[in-house]
Amino acid sequence: MNFIVKGTFKAGHKYEPFTKKITTLNKNLASEKVFSLLGSEHRVKRSLVKIVSVEEAK
């Protein structure tokens, strides 16, 4: 299933918005994948990532 995850993460002194399209089995795994991707790409800790919505893509 495809999910669209929207939220913000802290970059420097401000929060940057993001939108990621993730393919996983459920919403919880989509959130975990986003935490993993942002951590590896931007070196952001989980506590600095705020997920606003996880929706199934149509």
PDB file of N, CA and C in Angstrom:
ATOM      1  N   MET A   1       0.834  -1.177   0.000  1.00  0.00           N
ATOM      2  CA  MET A   1       0.000   0.000   0.000  1.00  0.00           C
ATOM      3  C   MET A   1       0.882   1.245   0.000  1.00  0.00           C
ATOM      4  N   ASN A   2       0.416   2.275  -0.636  1.00  0.00           N
ATOM      5  CA  ASN A   2       1.143   3.541  -0.680  1.00  0.00           C
ATOM      6  C   ASN A   2       0.538   4.525   0.309  1.00  0.00           C
ATOM      7  N   PHE A   3       1.408   5.237   1.017  1.00  0.00           N
ATOM      8  CA  PHE A   3       0.972   6.236   1.985  1.00  0.00           C
ATOM      9  C   PHE A   3       1.687   7.549   1.710  1.00  0.00           C
ATOM     10  N   ILE A   4       1.010   8.656   1.980  1.00  0.00           N
ATOM     11  CA  ILE A   4       1.617   9.979   1.896  1.00  0.00           C
ATOM     12  C   ILE A   4       1.736  10.495   3.327  1.00  0.00           C
ATOM     13  N   VAL A   5       2.972  10.757   3.737  1.00  0.00           N
ATOM     14  CA  VAL A   5       3.262  11.204   5.096  1.00  0.00           C
ATOM     15  C   VAL A   5       3.675  12.668   5.030  1.00  0.00           C
ATOM     16  N   LYS A   6       2.997  13.512   5.813  1.00  0.00           N
ATOM     17  CA  LYS A   6       3.300  14.941   5.851  1.00  0.00           C
ATOM     18  C   LYS A   6       3.676  15.340   7.262  1.00  0.00           C
ATOM     19  N   GLY A   7       4.574  16.320   7.363  1.00  0.00           N
ATOM     20  CA  GLY A   7       4.971  16.810   8.674  1.00  0.00           C
ATOM     21  C   GLY A   7       6.080  17.832   8.566  1.00  0.00           C
ATOM     22  N   THR A   8       6.794  18.023   9.681  1.00  0.00           N
ATOM     23  CA  THR A   8       7.904  18.967   9.726  1.00  0.00           C
ATOM     24  C   THR A   8       9.062  18.335  10.483  1.00  0.00           C
ATOM     25  N   PHE A   9      10.276  18.854  10.218  1.00  0.00           N
ATOM     26  CA  PHE A   9      11.436  18.447  10.998  1.00  0.00           C
ATOM     27  C   PHE A   9      12.312  19.665  11.229  1.00  0.00           C
ATOM     28  N   LYS A  10      13.054  19.649  12.331  1.00  0.00           N
ATOM     29  CA  LYS A  10      13.864  20.795  12.694  1.00  0.00           C
ATOM     30  C   LYS A  10      15.162  20.786  11.889  1.00  0.00           C
ATOM     31  N   ALA A  11      15.384  21.898  11.184  1.00  0.00           N
ATOM     32  CA  ALA A  11      16.600  22.087  10.396  1.00  0.00           C
ATOM     33  C   ALA A  11      17.210  23.413  10.832  1.00  0.00           C
ATOM     34  N   GLY A  12      18.232  23.346  11.645  1.00  0.00           N
ATOM     35  CA  GLY A  12      18.819  24.580  12.169  1.00  0.00           C
ATOM     36  C   GLY A  12      17.924  25.173  13.233  1.00  0.00           C
ATOM     37  N   HIS A  13      17.482  26.422  13.017  1.00  0.00           N
ATOM     38  CA  HIS A  13      16.642  27.103  13.994  1.00  0.00           C
ATOM     39  C   HIS A  13      15.160  27.105  13.637  1.00  0.00           C
ATOM     40  N   LYS A  14      14.797  26.496  12.509  1.00  0.00           N
ATOM     41  CA  LYS A  14      13.393  26.509  12.107  1.00  0.00           C
ATOM     42  C   LYS A  14      12.953  25.110  11.680  1.00  0.00           C
ATOM     43  N   TYR A  15      11.643  24.926  11.582  1.00  0.00           N
ATOM     44  CA  TYR A  15      11.081  23.654  11.148  1.00  0.00           C
ATOM     45  C   TYR A  15      10.796  23.709   9.651  1.00  0.00           C
ATOM     46  N   GLU A  16      11.253  22.680   8.934  1.00  0.00           N
ATOM     47  CA  GLU A  16      11.044  22.575   7.493  1.00  0.00           C
ATOM     48  C   GLU A  16       9.922  21.567   7.224  1.00  0.00           C
ATOM     49  N   PRO A  17       8.986  21.889   6.338  1.00  0.00           N
ATOM     50  CA  PRO A  17       7.924  20.936   6.000  1.00  0.00           C
ATOM     51  C   PRO A  17       8.445  19.842   5.068  1.00  0.00           C
ATOM     52  N   PHE A  18       7.816  18.671   5.125  1.00  0.00           N
ATOM     53  CA  PHE A  18       8.171  17.597   4.204  1.00  0.00           C
ATOM     54  C   PHE A  18       6.917  16.814   3.832  1.00  0.00           C
ATOM     55  N   THR A  19       6.993  16.173   2.682  1.00  0.00           N
ATOM     56  CA  THR A  19       5.969  15.243   2.211  1.00  0.00           C
ATOM     57  C   THR A  19       6.707  14.070   1.585  1.00  0.00           C
ATOM     58  N   LYS A  20       6.426  12.870   2.078  1.00  0.00           N
ATOM     59  CA  LYS A  20       7.088  11.670   1.567  1.00  0.00           C
ATOM     60  C   LYS A  20       6.034  10.666   1.131  1.00  0.00           C
ATOM     61  N   LYS A  21       6.283   9.994   0.017  1.00  0.00           N
ATOM     62  CA  LYS A  21       5.424   8.910  -0.449  1.00  0.00           C
ATOM     63  C   LYS A  21       6.136   7.603  -0.110  1.00  0.00           C
ATOM     64  N   ILE A  22       5.482   6.768   0.711  1.00  0.00           N
ATOM     65  CA  ILE A  22       6.089   5.560   1.247  1.00  0.00           C
ATOM     66  C   ILE A  22       5.234   4.355   0.870  1.00  0.00           C
ATOM     67  N   THR A  23       5.876   3.237   0.516  1.00  0.00           N
ATOM     68  CA  THR A  23       5.177   1.989   0.251  1.00  0.00           C
ATOM     69  C   THR A  23       5.461   1.018   1.388  1.00  0.00           C
ATOM     70  N   THR A  24       4.443   0.721   2.200  1.00  0.00           N
ATOM     71  CA  THR A  24       4.556  -0.235   3.305  1.00  0.00           C
ATOM     72  C   THR A  24       3.226  -0.954   3.489  1.00  0.00           C
ATOM     73  N   LEU A  25       3.161  -1.773   4.531  1.00  0.00           N
ATOM     74  CA  LEU A  25       1.954  -2.553   4.785  1.00  0.00           C
ATOM     75  C   LEU A  25       0.886  -1.791   5.555  1.00  0.00           C
ATOM     76  N   ASN A  26       1.309  -0.867   6.475  1.00  0.00           N
ATOM     77  CA  ASN A  26       0.315  -0.133   7.269  1.00  0.00           C
ATOM     78  C   ASN A  26       0.849   1.241   7.671  1.00  0.00           C
ATOM     79  N   LYS A  27      -0.004   2.028   8.348  1.00  0.00           N
ATOM     80  CA  LYS A  27       0.347   3.411   8.714  1.00  0.00           C
ATOM     81  C   LYS A  27       1.500   3.476   9.701  1.00  0.00           C
ATOM     82  N   ASN A  28       1.535   2.560  10.658  1.00  0.00           N
ATOM     83  CA  ASN A  28       2.614   2.583  11.650  1.00  0.00           C
ATOM     84  C   ASN A  28       3.974   2.361  11.002  1.00  0.00           C
ATOM     85  N   LEU A  29       4.047   1.436  10.071  1.00  0.00           N
ATOM     86  CA  LEU A  29       5.310   1.187   9.377  1.00  0.00           C
ATOM     87  C   LEU A  29       5.702   2.366   8.492  1.00  0.00           C
ATOM     88  N   ALA A  30       4.712   3.076   7.952  1.00  0.00           N
ATOM     89  CA  ALA A  30       5.001   4.264   7.141  1.00  0.00           C
ATOM     90  C   ALA A  30       5.653   5.341   8.004  1.00  0.00           C
ATOM     91  N   SER A  31       5.142   5.545   9.217  1.00  0.00           N
ATOM     92  CA  SER A  31       5.730   6.525  10.134  1.00  0.00           C
ATOM     93  C   SER A  31       7.161   6.136  10.500  1.00  0.00           C
ATOM     94  N   GLU A  32       7.370   4.870  10.799  1.00  0.00           N
ATOM     95  CA  GLU A  32       8.715   4.389  11.164  1.00  0.00           C
ATOM     96  C   GLU A  32       9.693   4.585  10.005  1.00  0.00           C
ATOM     97  N   LYS A  33       9.237   4.335   8.795  1.00  0.00           N
ATOM     98  CA  LYS A  33      10.093   4.495   7.614  1.00  0.00           C
ATOM     99  C   LYS A  33      10.497   5.957   7.429  1.00  0.00           C
ATOM    100  N   VAL A  34       9.565   6.879   7.679  1.00  0.00           N
ATOM    101  CA  VAL A  34       9.869   8.306   7.553  1.00  0.00           C
ATOM    102  C   VAL A  34      10.906   8.721   8.599  1.00  0.00           C
ATOM    103  N   PHE A  35      10.740   8.258   9.845  1.00  0.00           N
ATOM    104  CA  PHE A  35      11.742   8.550  10.875  1.00  0.00           C
ATOM    105  C   PHE A  35      13.115   8.056  10.429  1.00  0.00           C
ATOM    106  N   SER A  36      13.162   6.861   9.876  1.00  0.00           N
ATOM    107  CA  SER A  36      14.411   6.267   9.417  1.00  0.00           C
ATOM    108  C   SER A  36      15.031   7.068   8.270  1.00  0.00           C
ATOM    109  N   LEU A  37      14.208   7.431   7.283  1.00  0.00           N
ATOM    110  CA  LEU A  37      14.714   8.181   6.124  1.00  0.00           C
ATOM    111  C   LEU A  37      15.236   9.560   6.512  1.00  0.00           C
ATOM    112  N   LEU A  38      14.471  10.285   7.323  1.00  0.00           N
ATOM    113  CA  LEU A  38      14.905  11.625   7.721  1.00  0.00           C
ATOM    114  C   LEU A  38      16.157  11.554   8.593  1.00  0.00           C
ATOM    115  N   GLY A  39      16.238  10.541   9.414  1.00  0.00           N
ATOM    116  CA  GLY A  39      17.429  10.368  10.244  1.00  0.00           C
ATOM    117  C   GLY A  39      18.667  10.098   9.412  1.00  0.00           C
ATOM    118  N   SER A  40      18.531   9.276   8.385  1.00  0.00           N
ATOM    119  CA  SER A  40      19.690   8.946   7.568  1.00  0.00           C
ATOM    120  C   SER A  40      20.053  10.054   6.577  1.00  0.00           C
ATOM    121  N   GLU A  41      19.046  10.754   6.044  1.00  0.00           N
ATOM    122  CA  GLU A  41      19.308  11.796   5.046  1.00  0.00           C
ATOM    123  C   GLU A  41      19.735  13.117   5.671  1.00  0.00           C
ATOM    124  N   HIS A  42      19.126  13.477   6.824  1.00  0.00           N
ATOM    125  CA  HIS A  42      19.342  14.803   7.406  1.00  0.00           C
ATOM    126  C   HIS A  42      19.925  14.774   8.816  1.00  0.00           C
ATOM    127  N   ARG A  43      20.193  13.564   9.336  1.00  0.00           N
ATOM    128  CA  ARG A  43      20.737  13.417  10.696  1.00  0.00           C
ATOM    129  C   ARG A  43      19.832  14.074  11.743  1.00  0.00           C
ATOM    130  N   VAL A  44      18.517  13.854  11.607  1.00  0.00           N
ATOM    131  CA  VAL A  44      17.524  14.420  12.518  1.00  0.00           C
ATOM    132  C   VAL A  44      17.069  13.321  13.469  1.00  0.00           C
ATOM    133  N   LYS A  45      17.041  13.614  14.758  1.00  0.00           N
ATOM    134  CA  LYS A  45      16.553  12.649  15.739  1.00  0.00           C
ATOM    135  C   LYS A  45      15.032  12.586  15.681  1.00  0.00           C
ATOM    136  N   ARG A  46      14.484  11.460  16.133  1.00  0.00           N
ATOM    137  CA  ARG A  46      13.032  11.249  16.107  1.00  0.00           C
ATOM    138  C   ARG A  46      12.273  12.328  16.868  1.00  0.00           C
ATOM    139  N   SER A  47      12.852  12.811  17.949  1.00  0.00           N
ATOM    140  CA  SER A  47      12.156  13.805  18.763  1.00  0.00           C
ATOM    141  C   SER A  47      12.022  15.149  18.053  1.00  0.00           C
ATOM    142  N   LEU A  48      12.783  15.363  16.967  1.00  0.00           N
ATOM    143  CA  LEU A  48      12.717  16.616  16.213  1.00  0.00           C
ATOM    144  C   LEU A  48      11.876  16.497  14.951  1.00  0.00           C
ATOM    145  N   VAL A  49      11.224  15.351  14.768  1.00  0.00           N
ATOM    146  CA  VAL A  49      10.349  15.123  13.622  1.00  0.00           C
ATOM    147  C   VAL A  49       8.912  15.097  14.122  1.00  0.00           C
ATOM    148  N   LYS A  50       8.049  15.909  13.513  1.00  0.00           N
ATOM    149  CA  LYS A  50       6.637  15.953  13.875  1.00  0.00           C
ATOM    150  C   LYS A  50       5.821  15.512  12.659  1.00  0.00           C
ATOM    151  N   ILE A  51       5.188  14.359  12.772  1.00  0.00           N
ATOM    152  CA  ILE A  51       4.346  13.850  11.681  1.00  0.00           C
ATOM    153  C   ILE A  51       2.934  14.389  11.893  1.00  0.00           C
ATOM    154  N   VAL A  52       2.429  15.091  10.881  1.00  0.00           N
ATOM    155  CA  VAL A  52       1.100  15.710  10.969  1.00  0.00           C
ATOM    156  C   VAL A  52       0.023  14.749  10.475  1.00  0.00           C
ATOM    157  N   SER A  53       0.279  14.059   9.350  1.00  0.00           N
ATOM    158  CA  SER A  53      -0.735  13.153   8.822  1.00  0.00           C
ATOM    159  C   SER A  53      -0.104  12.005   8.064  1.00  0.00           C
ATOM    160  N   VAL A  54      -0.782  10.866   8.107  1.00  0.00           N
ATOM    161  CA  VAL A  54      -0.423   9.686   7.313  1.00  0.00           C
ATOM    162  C   VAL A  54      -1.694   9.265   6.611  1.00  0.00           C
ATOM    163  N   GLU A  55      -1.719   9.407   5.288  1.00  0.00           N
ATOM    164  CA  GLU A  55      -2.920   9.101   4.510  1.00  0.00           C
ATOM    165  C   GLU A  55      -2.597   8.076   3.434  1.00  0.00           C
ATOM    166  N   GLU A  56      -3.564   7.250   3.139  1.00  0.00           N
ATOM    167  CA  GLU A  56      -3.387   6.278   2.065  1.00  0.00           C
ATOM    168  C   GLU A  56      -3.479   6.994   0.723  1.00  0.00           C
ATOM    169  N   ALA A  57      -2.507   6.760  -0.140  1.00  0.00           N
ATOM    170  CA  ALA A  57      -2.500   7.382  -1.463  1.00  0.00           C
ATOM    171  C   ALA A  57      -3.506   6.666  -2.358  1.00  0.00           C
ATOM    172  N   LYS A  58      -4.125   7.443  -3.229  1.00  0.00           N
ATOM    173  CA  LYS A  58      -5.124   6.868  -4.120  1.00  0.00           C
ATOM    174  C   LYS A  58      -4.573   6.625  -5.498  1.00  0.00           C
TER     175      LYS A  58
END
